[in-house]
N, C-alpha and C. Protein backbone atom coordinates (compact mmCIF):
# COMPACT_ATOMS: atom_id res chain seq x y z
N GLN A 1 94.51 119.94 84.51
CA GLN A 1 94.93 120.36 85.86
C GLN A 1 93.76 121.03 86.56
N VAL A 2 93.55 120.67 87.82
CA VAL A 2 92.47 121.25 88.62
C VAL A 2 93.08 121.75 89.93
N GLN A 3 92.80 122.98 90.27
CA GLN A 3 93.21 123.51 91.57
C GLN A 3 91.98 123.68 92.43
N LEU A 4 92.11 123.31 93.70
CA LEU A 4 90.97 123.27 94.61
C LEU A 4 91.23 124.15 95.82
N LEU A 5 90.20 124.87 96.24
CA LEU A 5 90.32 125.74 97.40
C LEU A 5 89.08 125.59 98.26
N GLU A 6 89.28 125.09 99.48
CA GLU A 6 88.17 124.89 100.41
C GLU A 6 87.92 126.15 101.23
N SER A 7 86.69 126.30 101.67
CA SER A 7 86.32 127.40 102.57
C SER A 7 85.11 126.97 103.39
N GLY A 8 84.82 127.75 104.43
CA GLY A 8 83.62 127.50 105.21
C GLY A 8 83.85 126.84 106.55
N GLY A 9 85.08 126.48 106.83
CA GLY A 9 85.36 125.87 108.13
C GLY A 9 85.24 126.89 109.26
N GLY A 10 85.23 126.39 110.48
CA GLY A 10 85.13 127.27 111.62
C GLY A 10 84.80 126.51 112.89
N LEU A 11 84.42 127.26 113.91
CA LEU A 11 84.06 126.70 115.20
C LEU A 11 82.55 126.67 115.34
N VAL A 12 82.01 125.54 115.74
CA VAL A 12 80.58 125.39 115.90
C VAL A 12 80.31 124.50 117.11
N GLN A 13 79.19 124.73 117.76
CA GLN A 13 78.80 123.89 118.89
C GLN A 13 78.21 122.56 118.40
N ALA A 14 78.34 121.56 119.23
CA ALA A 14 77.73 120.27 118.90
C ALA A 14 76.23 120.45 118.62
N GLY A 15 75.78 119.77 117.59
CA GLY A 15 74.40 119.89 117.15
C GLY A 15 74.19 120.95 116.09
N GLY A 16 75.20 121.77 115.87
CA GLY A 16 75.09 122.83 114.88
C GLY A 16 75.40 122.37 113.48
N SER A 17 75.45 123.34 112.56
CA SER A 17 75.66 123.05 111.15
C SER A 17 76.75 123.94 110.58
N LEU A 18 77.39 123.43 109.55
CA LEU A 18 78.33 124.19 108.74
C LEU A 18 78.20 123.73 107.30
N ARG A 19 78.53 124.64 106.40
CA ARG A 19 78.54 124.30 104.98
C ARG A 19 79.92 124.60 104.43
N LEU A 20 80.60 123.56 103.98
CA LEU A 20 81.91 123.71 103.36
C LEU A 20 81.74 123.85 101.86
N SER A 21 82.60 124.65 101.27
CA SER A 21 82.61 124.80 99.82
C SER A 21 84.02 124.54 99.29
N CYS A 22 84.06 124.07 98.07
CA CYS A 22 85.33 123.84 97.40
C CYS A 22 85.22 124.45 96.01
N ALA A 23 86.03 125.46 95.75
CA ALA A 23 86.04 126.11 94.45
C ALA A 23 87.16 125.53 93.61
N ALA A 24 86.82 125.19 92.38
CA ALA A 24 87.80 124.57 91.48
C ALA A 24 88.12 125.46 90.31
N SER A 25 89.36 125.46 89.94
CA SER A 25 89.76 126.14 88.71
C SER A 25 90.03 125.08 87.65
N GLY A 26 89.90 125.48 86.40
CA GLY A 26 90.15 124.53 85.33
C GLY A 26 88.87 124.15 84.62
N ARG A 27 88.95 124.06 83.32
CA ARG A 27 87.76 123.81 82.52
C ARG A 27 87.31 122.37 82.56
N THR A 28 88.13 121.48 83.17
CA THR A 28 87.78 120.07 83.18
C THR A 28 87.11 119.63 84.47
N PHE A 29 86.78 120.58 85.35
CA PHE A 29 86.19 120.23 86.64
C PHE A 29 85.00 119.30 86.48
N SER A 30 84.13 119.58 85.54
CA SER A 30 82.89 118.82 85.41
C SER A 30 83.12 117.38 84.98
N THR A 31 84.33 117.04 84.58
CA THR A 31 84.62 115.67 84.17
C THR A 31 85.18 114.82 85.30
N TYR A 32 85.37 115.43 86.47
CA TYR A 32 85.95 114.73 87.61
C TYR A 32 84.90 114.37 88.64
N HIS A 33 85.05 113.18 89.20
CA HIS A 33 84.34 112.87 90.43
C HIS A 33 85.00 113.65 91.56
N MET A 34 84.22 113.99 92.57
CA MET A 34 84.75 114.79 93.67
C MET A 34 84.52 114.09 95.00
N GLY A 35 85.44 114.31 95.91
CA GLY A 35 85.30 113.71 97.23
C GLY A 35 85.68 114.69 98.33
N TRP A 36 85.15 114.43 99.50
CA TRP A 36 85.56 115.13 100.72
C TRP A 36 86.21 114.11 101.65
N PHE A 37 87.34 114.48 102.20
CA PHE A 37 88.03 113.67 103.19
C PHE A 37 88.26 114.54 104.42
N ARG A 38 88.63 113.89 105.52
CA ARG A 38 88.96 114.67 106.72
C ARG A 38 90.08 113.98 107.49
N GLN A 39 90.81 114.80 108.23
CA GLN A 39 91.88 114.26 109.07
C GLN A 39 91.78 114.90 110.44
N ALA A 40 91.47 114.08 111.42
CA ALA A 40 91.39 114.54 112.80
C ALA A 40 92.79 114.52 113.41
N PRO A 41 93.00 115.30 114.46
CA PRO A 41 94.32 115.32 115.11
C PRO A 41 94.76 113.93 115.53
N GLY A 42 95.96 113.55 115.12
CA GLY A 42 96.51 112.27 115.51
C GLY A 42 95.96 111.07 114.78
N LYS A 43 95.13 111.32 113.78
CA LYS A 43 94.51 110.21 113.04
C LYS A 43 94.84 110.30 111.55
N GLU A 44 94.60 109.21 110.85
CA GLU A 44 94.81 109.20 109.42
C GLU A 44 93.64 109.88 108.71
N ARG A 45 93.95 110.37 107.53
CA ARG A 45 92.89 110.99 106.73
C ARG A 45 91.89 109.92 106.30
N GLU A 46 90.61 110.27 106.33
CA GLU A 46 89.56 109.30 106.02
C GLU A 46 88.54 109.89 105.06
N PHE A 47 87.90 109.02 104.32
CA PHE A 47 86.86 109.41 103.38
C PHE A 47 85.62 109.88 104.12
N VAL A 48 84.97 110.91 103.58
CA VAL A 48 83.73 111.42 104.15
C VAL A 48 82.57 111.26 103.17
N ALA A 49 82.74 111.80 101.96
CA ALA A 49 81.64 111.76 101.00
C ALA A 49 82.20 111.93 99.59
N GLY A 50 81.46 111.42 98.60
CA GLY A 50 81.87 111.56 97.21
C GLY A 50 80.67 111.77 96.32
N ILE A 51 80.91 112.40 95.17
CA ILE A 51 79.83 112.67 94.21
C ILE A 51 80.39 112.49 92.81
N SER A 52 79.62 111.85 91.96
CA SER A 52 80.06 111.60 90.60
C SER A 52 80.03 112.87 89.78
N TRP A 53 80.63 112.81 88.58
CA TRP A 53 80.84 114.03 87.81
C TRP A 53 79.56 114.70 87.38
N ARG A 54 78.49 113.94 87.17
CA ARG A 54 77.19 114.54 86.85
C ARG A 54 76.25 114.56 88.04
N ALA A 55 76.78 114.20 89.21
CA ALA A 55 75.99 114.19 90.46
C ALA A 55 74.92 113.11 90.48
N TYR A 56 75.07 112.10 89.62
CA TYR A 56 74.08 111.02 89.63
C TYR A 56 74.27 110.10 90.83
N ILE A 57 75.53 110.02 91.30
CA ILE A 57 75.86 109.08 92.37
C ILE A 57 76.51 109.84 93.51
N THR A 58 76.05 109.54 94.73
CA THR A 58 76.73 110.03 95.93
C THR A 58 77.05 108.84 96.82
N HIS A 59 78.08 109.02 97.63
CA HIS A 59 78.54 107.94 98.50
C HIS A 59 79.04 108.56 99.79
N TYR A 60 78.67 107.95 100.92
CA TYR A 60 79.00 108.53 102.22
C TYR A 60 79.65 107.50 103.13
N ALA A 61 80.52 107.99 103.99
CA ALA A 61 81.00 107.15 105.07
C ALA A 61 79.85 106.89 106.05
N ASP A 62 79.86 105.74 106.66
CA ASP A 62 78.78 105.40 107.59
C ASP A 62 78.68 106.41 108.73
N SER A 63 79.81 106.97 109.12
CA SER A 63 79.83 107.88 110.26
C SER A 63 79.12 109.20 110.00
N VAL A 64 78.89 109.54 108.73
CA VAL A 64 78.24 110.82 108.43
C VAL A 64 76.92 110.66 107.69
N LYS A 65 76.57 109.44 107.35
CA LYS A 65 75.36 109.18 106.58
C LYS A 65 74.15 109.70 107.34
N GLY A 66 73.31 110.45 106.64
CA GLY A 66 72.12 111.02 107.26
C GLY A 66 72.35 112.38 107.90
N ARG A 67 73.61 112.77 108.05
CA ARG A 67 73.92 114.08 108.64
C ARG A 67 74.58 115.02 107.64
N PHE A 68 75.38 114.47 106.74
CA PHE A 68 76.11 115.27 105.76
C PHE A 68 75.51 115.05 104.37
N THR A 69 75.57 116.11 103.55
CA THR A 69 75.08 116.02 102.17
C THR A 69 76.10 116.68 101.24
N ILE A 70 76.53 115.93 100.24
CA ILE A 70 77.44 116.47 99.25
C ILE A 70 76.66 116.88 98.01
N SER A 71 77.08 117.98 97.41
CA SER A 71 76.43 118.45 96.19
C SER A 71 77.48 119.16 95.33
N ARG A 72 77.13 119.41 94.07
CA ARG A 72 78.05 120.11 93.19
C ARG A 72 77.28 120.96 92.21
N ASP A 73 77.94 121.99 91.74
CA ASP A 73 77.38 122.87 90.70
C ASP A 73 78.46 123.01 89.63
N ASN A 74 78.31 122.27 88.56
CA ASN A 74 79.34 122.27 87.53
C ASN A 74 79.41 123.60 86.78
N ALA A 75 78.32 124.33 86.76
CA ALA A 75 78.33 125.64 86.11
C ALA A 75 79.19 126.63 86.89
N LYS A 76 79.26 126.43 88.20
CA LYS A 76 80.04 127.33 89.05
C LYS A 76 81.36 126.71 89.51
N ASN A 77 81.64 125.51 89.06
CA ASN A 77 82.87 124.82 89.45
C ASN A 77 83.02 124.71 90.96
N THR A 78 81.95 124.30 91.62
CA THR A 78 82.00 124.17 93.08
C THR A 78 81.42 122.84 93.52
N VAL A 79 81.91 122.38 94.64
CA VAL A 79 81.33 121.23 95.33
C VAL A 79 81.18 121.62 96.79
N SER A 80 80.09 121.21 97.39
CA SER A 80 79.78 121.61 98.76
C SER A 80 79.53 120.41 99.65
N LEU A 81 79.71 120.64 100.93
CA LEU A 81 79.40 119.61 101.93
C LEU A 81 78.59 120.28 103.03
N GLN A 82 77.30 119.98 103.08
CA GLN A 82 76.43 120.48 104.13
C GLN A 82 76.52 119.52 105.31
N MET A 83 76.92 120.04 106.45
CA MET A 83 77.12 119.21 107.63
C MET A 83 76.15 119.64 108.72
N ASN A 84 75.27 118.75 109.08
CA ASN A 84 74.28 119.00 110.12
C ASN A 84 74.51 118.08 111.31
N SER A 85 73.91 118.43 112.42
CA SER A 85 74.01 117.61 113.64
C SER A 85 75.45 117.26 113.94
N LEU A 86 76.29 118.27 113.92
CA LEU A 86 77.72 118.04 114.10
C LEU A 86 78.04 117.53 115.49
N LYS A 87 79.05 116.68 115.56
CA LYS A 87 79.51 116.09 116.80
C LYS A 87 80.97 116.47 117.05
N PRO A 88 81.40 116.42 118.28
CA PRO A 88 82.83 116.72 118.54
C PRO A 88 83.77 115.83 117.73
N GLU A 89 83.36 114.61 117.47
CA GLU A 89 84.22 113.70 116.69
C GLU A 89 84.29 114.07 115.22
N ASP A 90 83.53 115.04 114.77
CA ASP A 90 83.64 115.55 113.41
C ASP A 90 84.76 116.58 113.29
N THR A 91 85.36 116.94 114.40
CA THR A 91 86.46 117.90 114.38
C THR A 91 87.62 117.36 113.56
N ALA A 92 88.03 118.14 112.56
CA ALA A 92 89.08 117.68 111.64
C ALA A 92 89.38 118.78 110.64
N VAL A 93 90.46 118.58 109.91
CA VAL A 93 90.70 119.37 108.70
C VAL A 93 90.02 118.63 107.56
N TYR A 94 89.20 119.36 106.82
CA TYR A 94 88.43 118.78 105.72
C TYR A 94 89.06 119.17 104.39
N TYR A 95 89.23 118.17 103.53
CA TYR A 95 89.86 118.36 102.23
C TYR A 95 88.89 117.96 101.12
N CYS A 96 88.89 118.72 100.04
CA CYS A 96 88.21 118.24 98.86
C CYS A 96 89.24 117.70 97.88
N ALA A 97 88.80 116.79 97.04
CA ALA A 97 89.70 116.12 96.11
C ALA A 97 88.97 115.79 94.83
N ALA A 98 89.71 115.71 93.74
CA ALA A 98 89.14 115.43 92.43
C ALA A 98 89.85 114.24 91.80
N GLY A 99 89.09 113.38 91.15
CA GLY A 99 89.71 112.25 90.49
C GLY A 99 88.75 111.54 89.58
N ARG A 100 89.29 110.61 88.80
CA ARG A 100 88.47 109.74 87.96
C ARG A 100 88.55 108.37 88.61
N ILE A 101 87.52 108.03 89.36
CA ILE A 101 87.63 107.10 90.49
C ILE A 101 86.94 105.77 90.24
N GLY A 102 87.59 104.71 90.71
CA GLY A 102 86.91 103.44 90.78
C GLY A 102 86.42 103.15 92.18
N ASN A 103 87.25 103.51 93.17
CA ASN A 103 86.91 103.27 94.57
C ASN A 103 86.85 104.61 95.28
N TRP A 104 85.65 105.03 95.68
CA TRP A 104 85.45 106.35 96.30
C TRP A 104 86.38 106.58 97.47
N GLU A 105 86.61 105.54 98.25
CA GLU A 105 87.29 105.73 99.53
C GLU A 105 88.80 105.60 99.42
N GLU A 106 89.31 105.30 98.25
CA GLU A 106 90.73 105.11 98.06
C GLU A 106 91.40 106.43 97.69
N GLN A 107 92.20 106.95 98.59
CA GLN A 107 92.78 108.27 98.39
C GLN A 107 93.71 108.33 97.18
N SER A 108 94.35 107.22 96.88
CA SER A 108 95.30 107.21 95.76
C SER A 108 94.61 107.40 94.41
N GLU A 109 93.29 107.27 94.37
CA GLU A 109 92.57 107.43 93.11
C GLU A 109 92.17 108.87 92.84
N TYR A 110 92.49 109.76 93.77
CA TYR A 110 92.21 111.18 93.58
C TYR A 110 93.49 111.86 93.11
N ASP A 111 93.35 112.66 92.07
CA ASP A 111 94.52 113.27 91.44
C ASP A 111 94.87 114.64 92.00
N PHE A 112 93.87 115.37 92.48
CA PHE A 112 94.09 116.75 92.93
C PHE A 112 93.46 116.94 94.29
N TRP A 113 94.14 117.73 95.12
CA TRP A 113 93.71 117.95 96.50
C TRP A 113 93.79 119.44 96.84
N GLY A 114 92.85 119.87 97.67
CA GLY A 114 92.93 121.20 98.23
C GLY A 114 93.81 121.23 99.46
N GLN A 115 93.94 122.42 100.07
CA GLN A 115 94.80 122.61 101.23
C GLN A 115 94.08 122.31 102.54
N GLY A 116 92.77 122.26 102.49
CA GLY A 116 92.01 121.90 103.69
C GLY A 116 91.44 123.10 104.41
N THR A 117 90.37 122.85 105.15
CA THR A 117 89.74 123.86 105.99
C THR A 117 89.39 123.20 107.32
N LEU A 118 89.66 123.90 108.41
CA LEU A 118 89.51 123.32 109.74
C LEU A 118 88.09 123.49 110.26
N VAL A 119 87.54 122.39 110.72
CA VAL A 119 86.23 122.39 111.38
C VAL A 119 86.44 121.94 112.83
N THR A 120 85.99 122.75 113.75
CA THR A 120 86.10 122.42 115.17
C THR A 120 84.70 122.41 115.78
N VAL A 121 84.34 121.29 116.37
CA VAL A 121 83.02 121.15 116.99
C VAL A 121 83.22 121.04 118.49
N SER A 122 82.67 122.01 119.22
CA SER A 122 82.83 122.02 120.67
C SER A 122 81.66 121.30 121.33
N SER A 123 81.94 120.68 122.46
CA SER A 123 80.89 119.92 123.17
C SER A 123 80.15 120.80 124.16
């Protein structure tokens, strides 16, 4: 069992940066691949970024590639999402998720989810 808690959301101007963190409980965190998803108002939740359990592999949605960076620290049971050059269309609730995954972007392959943290980017 893994419990996830996101933090770091807030209000930022377009072009600014934010760093989201996800703290995990449970001794098996390091065995899970991790992902970040987001859900904008009125839209379906979508994949943002993923990282393999040893951080050898990362995967990004085209919309954030080159602007967002996912990382993890298995010693601290955390996964982070550094978001730079933010745009108003990045406004969403951001969720972290854990799973043993074949398809990074498939939400059903993630077993555990956090409650989300709101990111608002003003123009």
